[in-house]
Protein backbone atom coordinates (compact mmCIF):
# COMPACT_ATOMS: atom_id res chain seq x y z
CA MET A 1 133.81 106.57 156.87
CA ASN A 2 134.85 108.02 160.21
CA LYS A 3 138.63 107.73 160.56
CA VAL A 4 141.21 110.19 162.33
CA ILE A 5 145.05 109.98 162.48
CA LEU A 6 146.77 112.43 164.83
CA MET A 7 150.23 112.94 165.95
CA GLY A 8 151.04 115.07 168.88
CA ARG A 9 152.10 115.51 172.53
CA LEU A 10 150.10 114.90 175.65
CA THR A 11 149.26 118.18 177.27
CA ARG A 12 149.11 116.43 180.69
CA ASP A 13 149.37 112.92 182.02
CA ALA A 14 146.57 110.68 180.87
CA GLU A 15 143.82 110.45 183.41
CA ILE A 16 142.73 106.78 184.05
CA ARG A 17 139.52 105.57 185.53
CA TYR A 18 137.97 101.98 185.69
CA SER A 19 134.34 101.28 184.93
CA GLN A 20 132.16 99.76 187.75
CA GLY A 21 130.89 96.17 187.64
CA GLU A 22 132.18 92.70 187.39
CA SER A 23 134.64 93.21 184.50
CA SER A 24 136.01 96.78 185.05
CA THR A 25 137.37 98.33 181.83
CA ALA A 26 140.11 100.97 181.83
CA ILE A 27 139.12 104.32 180.53
CA ALA A 28 141.75 107.00 179.62
CA ARG A 29 141.05 110.62 179.01
CA PHE A 30 143.85 112.83 177.62
CA SER A 31 144.46 115.80 175.33
CA LEU A 32 146.85 115.96 172.45
CA ALA A 33 148.56 119.15 171.27
CA VAL A 34 148.70 118.73 167.58
CA ASP A 35 150.79 121.21 165.52
CA ARG A 36 149.06 122.95 162.60
CA ARG A 37 150.76 122.37 159.17
CA PHE A 38 150.24 126.11 158.16
CA ARG A 39 150.17 129.24 160.11
CA ARG A 40 148.23 132.34 159.45
CA ASP A 41 150.00 135.73 159.75
CA ASN A 42 147.98 136.94 162.80
CA ASP A 43 147.42 133.60 164.39
CA GLU A 44 149.45 132.99 167.50
CA GLN A 45 148.18 129.59 168.13
CA SER A 46 150.08 127.11 166.16
CA ALA A 47 148.66 124.03 167.64
CA ASP A 48 145.19 122.48 168.22
CA PHE A 49 144.28 120.80 171.65
CA ILE A 50 142.19 117.82 170.87
CA ASN A 51 140.35 115.82 173.57
CA CYS A 52 140.74 112.02 173.32
CA VAL A 53 139.29 109.01 175.05
CA ALA A 54 140.63 105.41 174.97
CA PHE A 55 139.28 102.16 176.47
CA GLY A 56 140.55 98.67 177.27
CA LYS A 57 144.16 97.79 176.39
CA THR A 58 144.65 101.05 174.76
CA ALA A 59 143.79 102.78 177.93
CA GLU A 60 145.98 100.50 179.95
CA PHE A 61 148.90 101.32 177.62
CA LEU A 62 148.23 105.06 178.20
CA GLU A 63 148.07 104.42 182.04
CA ARG A 64 151.78 103.00 181.85
CA PHE A 65 153.26 105.36 179.29
CA GLY A 66 150.87 108.40 178.92
CA ARG A 67 153.04 111.18 180.47
CA LYS A 68 152.95 114.92 179.74
CA GLY A 69 154.98 115.72 176.68
CA THR A 70 155.17 112.31 175.19
CA LYS A 71 154.63 112.23 171.48
CA PHE A 72 152.16 109.66 170.17
CA VAL A 73 150.46 108.73 166.82
CA LEU A 74 146.92 108.05 167.36
CA GLU A 75 144.36 106.36 164.99
CA GLY A 76 140.69 106.42 165.87
CA ARG A 77 137.34 107.98 165.12
CA ILE A 78 135.44 111.27 166.06
CA GLN A 79 132.48 110.83 168.37
CA THR A 80 130.02 113.43 169.42
CA GLY A 81 127.76 113.43 172.34
CA SER A 82 125.84 115.68 174.81
CA TYR A 83 124.84 115.83 178.45
CA THR A 84 122.89 118.13 180.70
CA ASN A 85 125.22 119.94 183.12
CA LYS A 86 124.21 121.01 186.76
CA ASP A 87 122.67 124.21 185.50
CA GLY A 88 120.29 122.30 183.24
CA GLN A 89 122.07 123.45 180.11
CA ARG A 90 122.63 121.09 177.21
CA VAL A 91 126.46 120.73 176.53
CA TYR A 92 127.68 119.12 173.25
CA THR A 93 130.90 117.19 173.19
CA THR A 94 133.40 116.08 170.55
CA ASP A 95 136.08 113.59 171.31
CA VAL A 96 138.46 111.44 169.33
CA VAL A 97 137.97 107.75 170.42
CA ALA A 98 141.55 106.28 170.22
CA GLU A 99 141.50 102.70 168.89
CA ASN A 100 145.36 102.43 168.37
CA VAL A 101 148.11 104.49 170.03
CA GLU A 102 151.79 104.20 169.33
CA PHE A 103 154.96 106.08 170.28
CA ALA A 104 155.92 108.64 167.66
CA GLU A 105 159.62 108.96 168.84
CA SER A 106 162.08 107.00 170.98
CA LYS A 107 162.37 107.66 174.60
CA ASN A 108 165.74 109.50 174.16
CA ALA A 109 164.40 111.79 171.48
CA SER A 110 161.60 113.00 173.72
CA GLY A 111 164.16 114.96 175.87
CA GLY A 112 164.62 112.46 178.64
CA GLY A 113 161.48 113.22 180.96
CA ASP A 114 161.14 110.21 183.37
CA PHE A 115 163.02 107.95 180.90
CA ASN A 116 166.58 106.74 181.46
CA SER A 117 168.77 108.40 178.76
CA THR A 118 171.75 106.11 179.27
CA PRO A 119 171.68 102.68 177.56
CA SER A 120 171.71 99.92 180.11
CA ALA A 121 173.93 96.78 180.08
CA PRO A 122 172.61 93.70 178.41
CA SER A 123 170.78 91.41 180.96
CA PRO A 124 171.96 87.75 181.45
CA SER A 125 169.12 86.62 179.28
CA GLY A 126 170.44 88.32 176.29
CA ALA A 127 167.87 91.21 176.19
CA ALA A 128 169.44 94.69 176.01
CA GLY A 129 167.96 97.51 178.02
CA ASP A 130 166.32 98.91 174.85
CA GLY A 131 163.84 96.18 174.67
CA PHE A 132 165.60 94.26 171.83
CA MET A 133 167.34 91.01 172.08
CA ASN A 134 171.00 90.90 171.31
CA ILE A 135 171.67 88.68 168.05
CA PRO A 136 174.81 86.39 168.62
CA GLU A 137 177.70 86.56 166.16
CA GLY A 138 177.61 84.16 163.28
CA ILE A 139 173.86 83.55 163.20
CA ASP A 140 173.48 85.24 159.74
CA GLU A 141 173.68 81.91 157.99
CA GLU A 142 170.79 80.48 159.92
CA LEU A 143 168.38 83.32 159.32
CA PRO A 144 165.85 82.52 156.59
CA PHE A 145 165.62 86.05 155.13
CA ASN A 146 169.29 86.65 154.20
């Protein structure tokens, strides 16, 4: 079984490219800074910087929201590969292929960034600025899971 679960912050904005051809696919490359659970006495580095790649809808999600410093939870697999560089040397790679990426904290908890830190007023359609619909008063009796 090859399964990886990581939680960390993007070290830079996700780099997005699209494959060539009739049906182009989004490809996102990014790096996560993942804190280590334990720290050795002489070890100054307390995080690992893990290279990741995502495809399709997951890459499109990162194109929209993958900004430096944003904390994500990632589920995927480790993939190794190799290529020959311009000097003719064989280079070996290890990446985490992200199959599922989710926010690990709210926008306000991340320290602001490009996000709006003040809640917006509800829209006329009944949806609040936080992405959740306002529930009208007195609807408790109609909900099936009370």
